[in-house]
């Protein structure tokens, strides 16, 4: 689609901001022109800039299940279920508005907190029994990263204590940038095959953890209560290098300078005869990091497939850097720092090999006006269409809480596109972020039920749907 954009000129994140006004305006006009051409050619799934005044009829559309994400603090650090009576009441309310199920993070830092291969499952067992009794389906997120809540949340879930102890002795188990700055939220992929975790490799640690879960919760697999298992593959559980959130972090480049990744990189560069590998924006560096990212995902998903082969399909979470999307679809700065030097297609193709679905988190769904550079709806369209072209199923997840009709209509337009020529191009599920007291307020809950009814489509129309009494 179009000519590959010469992104050497724009690799420095500050370059466009430092141009004189006349040149910057000319570049912005070019971006805008290419964006319009791209949209007219590329868009098969269109995200509208406004919502039609007439309400669309969804009674003849396919059923798309809705899963509600449970709060991170529902299980405490001792692996005990927190305030189970209150949670049970909330889950019963969700059941009355016909949600299909819930999404549950299985935190490595909670279950294997204190000693290697000493797993605590008590709180999760109690939670899963509760969900089974309510006939709510369960999506499972294997979360191998730490969690730090938003400003209004008093919840932190660290990596296991024994991992932290190793990290004090060996700081290179974490990602590091070229300046030595580290990200401590997850382990570097450089130790996937290095036995530095009390004699085990990171890959062995992840696999042992998943095997323990598979064994302890066998009856939930056998009953079909567990419908999907999302495998954490990087920072925030997403398949990416850590430093891609916020332009202020771009100057650090790709996080590949711990001694393990750096050693693999040096070896590959020598074998390739490339002397520029260590430069901040070397082409070989970006290509190699992209390949290593895919290699990491291949290793973890391969082991997950062997563990969960009876449990249906796997899924992985892919991030979208919508704040720096270029209209010609070539890799932009944020994508390069996340490790997507070749764009999204190789990542999606890899998921297809494992029959794994894509969990894609979409943020703001309309083009922002800031200098005509930001194109979130273009990125959403490109990723969704690429996934469907490869036969990869897509589950969507909203990036921010949504309670109003306009927001739900935007999600519906993504989940169930109007274009009848692409009927199969729809979400296979929606993960709603997330359960809280605001969602359960009477007026918000009634709006949420209407949204679920529309997501259920034909199935809701065929049932005796009981409206929530507000």
Protein backbone atom coordinates (compact mmCIF):
# COMPACT_ATOMS: atom_id res chain seq x y z
CA UNK A 1 0.00 0.00 0.00
CA UNK A 2 1.95 3.02 -1.29
CA UNK A 3 5.68 3.50 -1.27
CA UNK A 4 7.74 2.52 1.77
CA UNK A 5 8.35 5.77 3.65
CA UNK A 6 11.96 6.79 4.19
CA UNK A 7 11.80 6.71 7.97
CA UNK A 8 15.52 7.44 8.50
CA UNK A 9 14.60 11.13 8.48
CA UNK A 10 12.07 10.64 11.28
CA UNK A 11 13.72 8.09 13.53
CA UNK A 12 14.77 10.69 16.04
CA UNK A 13 11.63 11.28 18.04
CA UNK A 14 12.31 15.00 18.34
CA UNK A 15 13.14 15.69 14.69
CA UNK A 16 9.74 16.84 13.53
CA UNK A 17 9.32 19.09 16.54
CA UNK A 18 12.65 20.83 15.81
CA UNK A 19 11.91 21.70 12.17
CA UNK A 20 11.07 25.26 11.25
CA UNK A 21 7.36 26.03 11.10
CA UNK A 22 7.15 26.17 7.29
CA UNK A 23 8.74 22.73 6.78
CA UNK A 24 6.73 21.21 9.62
CA UNK A 25 3.48 22.43 8.09
CA UNK A 26 4.49 21.03 4.71
CA UNK A 27 5.25 17.64 6.25
CA UNK A 28 1.96 17.66 8.10
CA UNK A 29 0.09 18.40 4.87
CA UNK A 30 1.84 15.42 3.28
CA UNK A 31 0.86 13.20 6.20
CA UNK A 32 -2.73 14.39 5.96
CA UNK A 33 -2.86 13.81 2.19
CA UNK A 34 -1.38 10.31 2.51
CA UNK A 35 -3.70 9.56 5.41
CA UNK A 36 -6.78 10.40 3.34
CA UNK A 37 -5.54 8.29 0.45
CA UNK A 38 -4.71 5.45 2.82
CA UNK A 39 -8.13 5.53 4.41
CA UNK A 40 -9.96 5.48 1.09
CA UNK A 41 -7.89 2.51 -0.09
CA UNK A 42 -7.22 0.51 3.05
CA UNK A 43 -10.25 0.81 5.30
CA UNK A 44 -12.36 -2.27 5.29
CA UNK A 45 -13.15 -1.94 8.98
CA UNK A 46 -14.04 1.71 9.51
CA UNK A 47 -14.13 3.49 12.83
CA UNK A 48 -16.44 6.48 12.43
CA UNK A 49 -15.48 9.94 13.67
CA UNK A 50 -19.03 10.33 14.99
CA UNK A 51 -21.92 8.09 15.88
CA UNK A 52 -25.05 8.06 13.75
CA UNK A 53 -28.12 9.51 15.43
CA UNK A 54 -30.20 6.48 14.49
CA UNK A 55 -29.58 3.39 16.61
CA UNK A 56 -28.38 0.41 14.65
CA UNK A 57 -30.28 -2.87 14.85
CA UNK A 58 -28.05 -5.76 15.97
CA UNK A 59 -30.76 -8.43 16.25
CA UNK A 60 -29.48 -10.25 13.14
CA UNK A 61 -25.76 -10.16 14.02
CA UNK A 62 -23.61 -13.02 15.40
CA UNK A 63 -23.09 -13.55 19.10
CA UNK A 64 -19.88 -11.97 20.41
CA UNK A 65 -19.25 -12.98 24.05
CA UNK A 66 -18.36 -10.32 26.62
CA UNK A 67 -15.92 -11.03 29.46
CA UNK A 68 -15.40 -8.57 32.32
CA UNK A 69 -11.88 -8.15 33.71
CA UNK A 70 -11.72 -8.66 37.48
CA UNK A 71 -9.76 -6.08 39.54
CA UNK A 72 -6.08 -6.92 40.19
CA UNK A 73 -6.60 -6.82 43.97
CA UNK A 74 -9.25 -9.56 44.04
CA UNK A 75 -6.49 -11.98 45.15
CA UNK A 76 -3.99 -10.62 47.69
CA UNK A 77 -0.26 -11.27 47.91
CA UNK A 78 -0.89 -14.23 50.23
CA UNK A 79 -3.10 -15.78 47.54
CA UNK A 80 -6.26 -15.30 49.57
CA UNK A 81 -9.57 -14.18 48.07
CA UNK A 82 -10.30 -10.65 49.26
CA UNK A 83 -13.81 -9.77 50.50
CA UNK A 84 -15.44 -12.82 48.92
CA UNK A 85 -18.99 -11.85 49.95
CA UNK A 86 -18.75 -8.48 48.21
CA UNK A 87 -17.20 -10.08 45.14
CA UNK A 88 -19.92 -12.74 45.03
CA UNK A 89 -22.57 -10.00 45.07
CA UNK A 90 -20.83 -8.18 42.21
CA UNK A 91 -20.55 -11.36 40.16
CA UNK A 92 -24.23 -12.13 40.67
CA UNK A 93 -25.04 -8.65 39.38
CA UNK A 94 -22.92 -9.23 36.30
CA UNK A 95 -24.79 -12.49 35.75
CA UNK A 96 -28.14 -10.66 35.82
CA UNK A 97 -27.06 -8.50 32.86
CA UNK A 98 -25.98 -11.62 30.93
CA UNK A 99 -22.22 -11.26 30.73
CA UNK A 100 -20.64 -14.46 29.39
CA UNK A 101 -17.82 -14.63 31.87
CA UNK A 102 -14.85 -12.93 33.50
CA UNK A 103 -11.14 -12.51 32.84
CA UNK A 104 -8.73 -13.40 35.65
CA UNK A 105 -5.02 -12.58 35.96
CA UNK A 106 -2.99 -15.47 37.33
CA UNK A 107 -0.13 -13.54 38.92
CA UNK A 108 3.25 -15.26 38.99
CA UNK A 109 4.32 -12.85 41.75
CA UNK A 110 1.50 -14.12 43.98
CA UNK A 111 1.44 -17.85 43.26
CA UNK A 112 5.21 -18.53 43.27
CA UNK A 113 6.04 -15.62 45.53
CA UNK A 114 8.49 -16.95 48.10
CA UNK A 115 10.37 -20.00 46.85
CA UNK A 116 11.00 -21.63 43.46
CA UNK A 117 8.31 -24.20 42.56
CA UNK A 118 6.38 -23.60 45.79
CA UNK A 119 2.97 -22.63 44.40
CA UNK A 120 0.03 -21.22 46.34
CA UNK A 121 -3.36 -21.65 44.65
CA UNK A 122 -5.82 -21.34 47.54
CA UNK A 123 -7.40 -17.98 46.62
CA UNK A 124 -7.70 -18.86 42.96
CA UNK A 125 -9.33 -22.19 43.75
CA UNK A 126 -11.97 -20.44 45.84
CA UNK A 127 -12.54 -17.85 43.12
CA UNK A 128 -12.88 -20.46 40.38
CA UNK A 129 -15.36 -22.48 42.46
CA UNK A 130 -17.44 -19.32 42.84
CA UNK A 131 -17.38 -18.70 39.09
CA UNK A 132 -18.26 -22.33 38.36
CA UNK A 133 -21.28 -22.16 40.67
CA UNK A 134 -22.51 -19.03 38.85
CA UNK A 135 -21.96 -20.68 35.46
CA UNK A 136 -19.62 -17.89 34.37
CA UNK A 137 -16.95 -18.72 31.80
CA UNK A 138 -13.32 -17.93 32.64
CA UNK A 139 -10.60 -16.32 30.55
CA UNK A 140 -7.19 -16.81 32.12
CA UNK A 141 -4.24 -14.40 31.78
CA UNK A 142 -0.86 -15.94 32.62
CA UNK A 143 0.77 -12.78 34.02
CA UNK A 144 4.55 -12.96 34.29
CA UNK A 145 4.99 -9.21 34.82
CA UNK A 146 4.53 -6.95 37.82
CA UNK A 147 1.55 -4.64 38.26
CA UNK A 148 1.50 -1.10 39.57
CA UNK A 149 -1.97 0.42 39.79
CA UNK A 150 -3.15 3.79 38.63
CA UNK A 151 -3.16 6.79 40.93
CA UNK A 152 -6.57 5.82 42.30
CA UNK A 153 -5.54 2.23 42.99
CA UNK A 154 -3.72 0.99 46.05
CA UNK A 155 -2.66 -2.30 44.50
CA UNK A 156 0.84 -3.43 43.61
CA UNK A 157 1.76 -6.95 42.54
CA UNK A 158 5.54 -7.44 42.31
CA UNK A 159 7.56 -10.15 40.68
CA UNK A 160 8.26 -13.11 43.03
CA UNK A 161 10.44 -12.30 46.06
CA UNK A 162 12.98 -14.94 45.11
CA UNK A 163 13.31 -13.36 41.66
CA UNK A 164 13.92 -9.98 43.30
CA UNK A 165 16.66 -11.56 45.41
CA UNK A 166 18.37 -12.91 42.29
CA UNK A 167 17.98 -9.48 40.70
CA UNK A 168 19.95 -7.83 43.50
CA UNK A 169 22.90 -10.09 42.69
CA UNK A 170 22.43 -10.11 38.93
CA UNK A 171 20.84 -6.92 37.59
CA UNK A 172 21.04 -8.28 34.04
CA UNK A 173 17.99 -10.50 34.48
CA UNK A 174 16.00 -7.36 33.58
CA UNK A 175 15.83 -5.34 30.38
CA UNK A 176 18.35 -2.50 30.04
CA UNK A 177 18.78 0.37 27.56
CA UNK A 178 21.99 1.64 25.99
CA UNK A 179 22.46 4.13 28.85
CA UNK A 180 22.13 1.45 31.53
CA UNK A 181 18.63 2.43 32.60
CA UNK A 182 16.55 -0.62 33.50
CA UNK A 183 12.92 -1.72 33.40
CA UNK A 184 12.17 -4.08 36.28
CA UNK A 185 8.58 -5.06 35.42
CA UNK A 186 9.50 -8.33 33.69
CA UNK A 187 12.47 -10.53 32.90
CA UNK A 188 14.66 -9.97 29.87
CA UNK A 189 14.22 -12.44 27.05
CA UNK A 190 18.00 -12.84 27.15
CA UNK A 191 17.63 -15.39 29.97
CA UNK A 192 15.00 -17.52 28.20
CA UNK A 193 17.71 -20.19 27.78
CA UNK A 194 20.09 -19.16 30.59
CA UNK A 195 19.85 -21.23 33.86
CA UNK A 196 20.31 -18.19 36.10
CA UNK A 197 17.07 -18.54 38.11
CA UNK A 198 18.23 -20.95 40.81
CA UNK A 199 19.33 -23.43 38.15
CA UNK A 200 16.35 -22.95 35.80
CA UNK A 201 15.98 -20.89 32.67
CA UNK A 202 13.20 -18.33 32.40
CA UNK A 203 11.46 -20.56 29.87
CA UNK A 204 11.57 -23.50 32.31
CA UNK A 205 10.19 -21.28 35.10
CA UNK A 206 7.25 -20.15 32.96
CA UNK A 207 6.56 -23.70 31.80
CA UNK A 208 6.64 -25.18 35.32
CA UNK A 209 4.24 -22.46 36.47
CA UNK A 210 1.79 -23.21 33.64
CA UNK A 211 2.01 -26.96 34.29
CA UNK A 212 1.17 -26.45 37.95
CA UNK A 213 -1.88 -24.38 37.01
CA UNK A 214 -2.97 -26.92 34.41
CA UNK A 215 -2.76 -29.72 36.96
CA UNK A 216 -4.47 -27.91 39.86
CA UNK A 217 -7.40 -26.68 37.78
CA UNK A 218 -7.96 -29.75 35.63
CA UNK A 219 -11.67 -30.02 36.44
CA UNK A 220 -12.28 -26.51 35.12
CA UNK A 221 -10.64 -27.47 31.85
CA UNK A 222 -12.64 -30.67 31.69
CA UNK A 223 -15.92 -28.85 32.32
CA UNK A 224 -15.18 -26.23 29.67
CA UNK A 225 -15.33 -23.38 32.18
CA UNK A 226 -11.92 -22.11 31.08
CA UNK A 227 -12.39 -20.90 27.52
CA UNK A 228 -9.15 -19.07 26.76
CA UNK A 229 -5.60 -18.79 28.09
CA UNK A 230 -3.68 -15.63 27.34
CA UNK A 231 0.08 -16.07 27.67
CA UNK A 232 2.09 -13.14 28.99
CA UNK A 233 4.96 -12.48 26.58
CA UNK A 234 6.53 -9.23 27.78
CA UNK A 235 5.97 -5.89 29.47
CA UNK A 236 2.39 -5.46 30.74
CA UNK A 237 1.76 -8.98 29.46
CA UNK A 238 2.09 -7.72 25.87
CA UNK A 239 4.43 -8.93 23.16
CA UNK A 240 6.84 -5.97 23.10
CA UNK A 241 10.04 -4.58 24.56
CA UNK A 242 9.35 -2.45 27.66
CA UNK A 243 10.09 1.11 26.50
CA UNK A 244 7.27 2.16 24.24
CA UNK A 245 4.94 4.14 26.49
CA UNK A 246 5.28 7.89 26.14
CA UNK A 247 7.57 9.84 23.82
CA UNK A 248 9.82 10.87 26.71
CA UNK A 249 11.19 7.33 26.83
CA UNK A 250 11.99 6.97 23.13
CA UNK A 251 15.47 8.45 23.43
CA UNK A 252 16.57 5.36 25.35
CA UNK A 253 16.04 3.21 22.30
CA UNK A 254 15.27 -0.50 22.36
CA UNK A 255 15.77 -2.21 25.71
CA UNK A 256 18.30 -4.82 24.57
CA UNK A 257 21.50 -4.00 26.46
CA UNK A 258 21.45 -6.40 29.40
CA UNK A 259 24.53 -8.58 29.12
CA UNK A 260 22.59 -11.57 27.80
CA UNK A 261 20.72 -9.87 24.96
CA UNK A 262 23.78 -7.76 24.18
CA UNK A 263 25.91 -10.92 23.96
CA UNK A 264 23.50 -12.54 21.50
CA UNK A 265 23.36 -9.30 19.53
CA UNK A 266 27.15 -8.98 19.28
CA UNK A 267 27.45 -12.57 18.11
CA UNK A 268 24.77 -12.13 15.45
CA UNK A 269 26.35 -8.87 14.26
CA UNK A 270 29.77 -10.47 13.87
CA UNK A 271 28.30 -13.37 11.95
CA UNK A 272 26.49 -10.87 9.74
CA UNK A 273 29.59 -8.74 9.24
CA UNK A 274 27.70 -5.66 10.42
CA UNK A 275 29.84 -3.12 12.25
CA UNK A 276 27.01 -0.66 12.93
CA UNK A 277 24.96 -2.91 15.22
CA UNK A 278 25.71 -0.90 18.34
CA UNK A 279 24.61 2.45 16.99
CA UNK A 280 21.50 3.87 18.58
CA UNK A 281 19.43 3.55 15.43
CA UNK A 282 21.34 0.93 13.47
CA UNK A 283 19.18 -0.92 10.93
CA UNK A 284 20.71 -4.27 11.89
CA UNK A 285 19.94 -3.62 15.56
CA UNK A 286 16.25 -3.00 14.93
CA UNK A 287 15.86 -5.98 12.60
CA UNK A 288 17.65 -8.28 15.01
CA UNK A 289 15.55 -7.13 17.98
CA UNK A 290 12.38 -7.72 15.97
CA UNK A 291 13.53 -11.25 15.13
CA UNK A 292 14.46 -11.95 18.75
CA UNK A 293 11.04 -10.76 19.89
CA UNK A 294 9.39 -13.29 17.58
CA UNK A 295 11.83 -16.01 18.67
CA UNK A 296 10.87 -15.36 22.30
CA UNK A 297 7.16 -15.59 21.53
CA UNK A 298 7.75 -18.80 19.56
CA UNK A 299 9.54 -20.43 22.50
CA UNK A 300 6.95 -19.51 25.11
CA UNK A 301 3.91 -20.29 22.95
CA UNK A 302 5.42 -23.62 21.92
CA UNK A 303 5.74 -24.66 25.56
CA UNK A 304 2.28 -23.27 26.40
CA UNK A 305 0.79 -25.29 23.55
CA UNK A 306 2.35 -28.48 24.94
CA UNK A 307 0.92 -27.71 28.41
CA UNK A 308 -2.57 -26.61 27.38
CA UNK A 309 -3.15 -28.75 24.29
CA UNK A 310 -6.49 -30.01 25.67
CA UNK A 311 -7.69 -26.56 26.68
CA UNK A 312 -8.68 -25.08 23.34
CA UNK A 313 -6.97 -22.12 21.84
CA UNK A 314 -4.29 -19.86 23.27
CA UNK A 315 -4.08 -16.10 22.87
CA UNK A 316 -1.48 -13.37 23.08
CA UNK A 317 -1.77 -9.65 23.68
CA UNK A 318 -0.39 -7.22 21.14
CA UNK A 319 0.06 -3.53 21.83
CA UNK A 320 -0.73 -0.79 19.34
CA UNK A 321 1.32 2.43 19.39
CA UNK A 322 -1.45 4.58 17.97
CA UNK A 323 0.09 7.91 19.02
CA UNK A 324 2.82 7.78 16.35
CA UNK A 325 1.30 5.93 13.41
CA UNK A 326 2.52 7.02 10.00
CA UNK A 327 0.03 7.07 7.13
CA UNK A 328 2.11 4.91 4.77
CA UNK A 329 2.07 1.91 7.19
CA UNK A 330 5.88 1.78 7.52
CA UNK A 331 7.26 1.25 11.05
CA UNK A 332 7.12 4.40 13.15
CA UNK A 333 9.26 5.40 16.11
CA UNK A 334 7.11 3.78 18.78
CA UNK A 335 6.86 0.55 16.81
CA UNK A 336 10.63 0.41 16.33
CA UNK A 337 11.27 0.81 20.07
CA UNK A 338 8.69 -1.87 20.86
CA UNK A 339 10.54 -4.25 18.51
CA UNK A 340 8.23 -4.13 15.48
CA UNK A 341 10.81 -3.19 12.83
CA UNK A 342 8.95 -5.23 10.23
CA UNK A 343 5.52 -4.07 11.30
CA UNK A 344 2.75 -6.23 12.71
CA UNK A 345 2.39 -8.85 9.96
CA UNK A 346 5.27 -11.15 11.12
CA UNK A 347 3.87 -11.15 14.66
CA UNK A 348 0.38 -12.02 13.48
CA UNK A 349 1.74 -14.68 11.12
CA UNK A 350 3.55 -16.26 14.08
CA UNK A 351 0.30 -16.38 16.09
CA UNK A 352 -1.38 -18.15 13.17
CA UNK A 353 1.17 -20.97 13.42
CA UNK A 354 -0.08 -21.78 16.93
CA UNK A 355 -3.74 -21.23 16.12
CA UNK A 356 -3.54 -18.52 18.77
CA UNK A 357 -5.96 -15.62 18.84
CA UNK A 358 -4.97 -12.00 19.14
CA UNK A 359 -6.07 -9.89 22.07
CA UNK A 360 -5.80 -6.35 20.80
CA UNK A 361 -6.27 -3.37 23.09
CA UNK A 362 -7.70 -0.38 21.28
CA UNK A 363 -7.47 3.11 22.75
CA UNK A 364 -8.99 6.35 21.51
CA UNK A 365 -10.71 5.51 18.25
CA UNK A 366 -10.61 8.72 16.31
CA UNK A 367 -7.74 10.64 14.74
CA UNK A 368 -6.45 13.30 17.08
CA UNK A 369 -5.80 16.78 15.71
CA UNK A 370 -2.25 17.21 16.97
CA UNK A 371 -0.25 18.09 13.85
CA UNK A 372 -1.99 15.38 11.83
CA UNK A 373 0.58 12.79 12.97
CA UNK A 374 -1.55 10.59 15.18
CA UNK A 375 -3.80 8.04 13.48
CA UNK A 376 -5.21 5.55 16.00
CA UNK A 377 -8.12 4.41 13.84
CA UNK A 378 -5.72 3.69 10.98
CA UNK A 379 -3.63 1.44 13.21
CA UNK A 380 -6.71 -0.39 14.48
CA UNK A 381 -7.86 -1.01 10.92
CA UNK A 382 -4.45 -2.22 9.75
CA UNK A 383 -3.97 -4.66 12.62
CA UNK A 384 -7.48 -6.07 12.51
CA UNK A 385 -7.41 -6.58 8.75
CA UNK A 386 -3.93 -8.15 8.91
CA UNK A 387 -5.12 -10.59 11.57
CA UNK A 388 -8.19 -11.61 9.59
CA UNK A 389 -6.13 -11.97 6.41
CA UNK A 390 -3.95 -14.50 8.26
CA UNK A 391 -6.98 -16.28 9.68
CA UNK A 392 -6.18 -15.16 13.23
CA UNK A 393 -9.18 -14.59 15.50
CA UNK A 394 -9.32 -11.23 17.25
CA UNK A 395 -10.59 -10.47 20.74
CA UNK A 396 -10.83 -6.77 21.55
CA UNK A 397 -10.22 -5.02 24.83
CA UNK A 398 -11.05 -1.40 25.63
CA UNK A 399 -8.08 0.55 26.95
CA UNK A 400 -10.14 2.79 29.23
CA UNK A 401 -13.36 2.30 31.20
CA UNK A 402 -16.49 2.93 29.14
CA UNK A 403 -19.97 3.62 30.48
CA UNK A 404 -21.81 5.71 27.89
CA UNK A 405 -23.77 4.97 24.73
CA UNK A 406 -21.34 6.74 22.40
CA UNK A 407 -18.38 4.74 23.69
CA UNK A 408 -20.26 1.44 23.43
CA UNK A 409 -21.35 2.28 19.88
CA UNK A 410 -17.71 2.81 18.89
CA UNK A 411 -16.85 -0.63 20.26
CA UNK A 412 -19.81 -2.16 18.42
CA UNK A 413 -18.67 -0.66 15.12
CA UNK A 414 -15.31 -2.38 15.61
CA UNK A 415 -16.72 -5.64 16.92
CA UNK A 416 -19.45 -5.90 14.27
CA UNK A 417 -18.56 -3.87 11.16
CA UNK A 418 -21.45 -2.62 9.03
CA UNK A 419 -19.91 -3.80 5.76
CA UNK A 420 -21.74 -7.06 4.98
CA UNK A 421 -19.02 -8.10 2.54
CA UNK A 422 -16.78 -8.78 5.53
CA UNK A 423 -19.13 -10.61 7.87
CA UNK A 424 -16.41 -12.84 9.24
CA UNK A 425 -14.33 -9.76 10.08
CA UNK A 426 -15.60 -9.28 13.60
CA UNK A 427 -14.41 -9.80 17.14
CA UNK A 428 -14.70 -13.34 18.46
CA UNK A 429 -14.93 -11.90 21.99
CA UNK A 430 -14.69 -8.64 23.90
CA UNK A 431 -12.74 -8.29 27.12
CA UNK A 432 -14.34 -5.39 28.99
CA UNK A 433 -11.96 -3.39 31.17
CA UNK A 434 -13.12 -3.67 33.98
CA UNK A 435 -15.28 -4.49 37.01
CA UNK A 436 -15.65 -1.57 39.45
CA UNK A 437 -18.28 0.21 41.51
CA UNK A 438 -18.93 2.81 38.79
CA UNK A 439 -19.94 0.11 36.30
CA UNK A 440 -22.38 -1.31 38.86
CA UNK A 441 -24.22 1.96 39.38
CA UNK A 442 -27.85 1.55 38.27
CA UNK A 443 -27.82 3.81 35.20
CA UNK A 444 -24.42 2.54 34.03
CA UNK A 445 -25.44 -1.08 34.50
CA UNK A 446 -28.58 -0.62 32.42
CA UNK A 447 -26.50 0.90 29.59
CA UNK A 448 -24.01 -1.96 29.91
CA UNK A 449 -26.79 -4.54 29.59
CA UNK A 450 -28.03 -2.88 26.39
CA UNK A 451 -24.49 -3.09 25.04
CA UNK A 452 -24.27 -6.80 25.93
CA UNK A 453 -27.63 -7.43 24.28
CA UNK A 454 -26.34 -5.90 21.07
CA UNK A 455 -23.09 -7.87 21.31
CA UNK A 456 -25.12 -11.08 21.71
CA UNK A 457 -27.13 -10.26 18.60
CA UNK A 458 -29.25 -13.17 17.32
CA UNK A 459 -28.84 -15.11 20.55
CA UNK A 460 -30.29 -12.26 22.61
CA UNK A 461 -33.14 -11.81 20.13
CA UNK A 462 -34.04 -15.49 20.40
CA UNK A 463 -34.07 -15.46 24.20
CA UNK A 464 -36.58 -14.02 26.61
CA UNK A 465 -34.24 -11.19 27.52
CA UNK A 466 -35.00 -9.78 30.96
CA UNK A 467 -34.18 -6.09 31.16
CA UNK A 468 -32.27 -4.94 34.21
CA UNK A 469 -34.58 -3.16 36.62
CA UNK A 470 -33.11 0.23 37.39
